[in-house]
């Protein structure tokens, strides 16, 4: 295929972009989940009954996404 899809050359700009955007989104999900857990009512106007499940779900998804990024780009 084209140069954007070559993995043998150490990756391309597109692959680097996907890797770093995956890392960025992992951090965003985890930080947002922590903020919702700690200050859900003040930061996002979320009721206390919903802040624990939503924050926990976001943190869990952030770790899952981080694992998938690690598995795809950093595991040899």
Foldseek 3Di string as FASTA:
>chain_A
DDPQPDPVVVHDPNVVVVLVVLVVVLVVLLVVLVCLQPPVCPPPNDDPVVSVVSSVVSNVVSVVSVVVSCVVRPDD
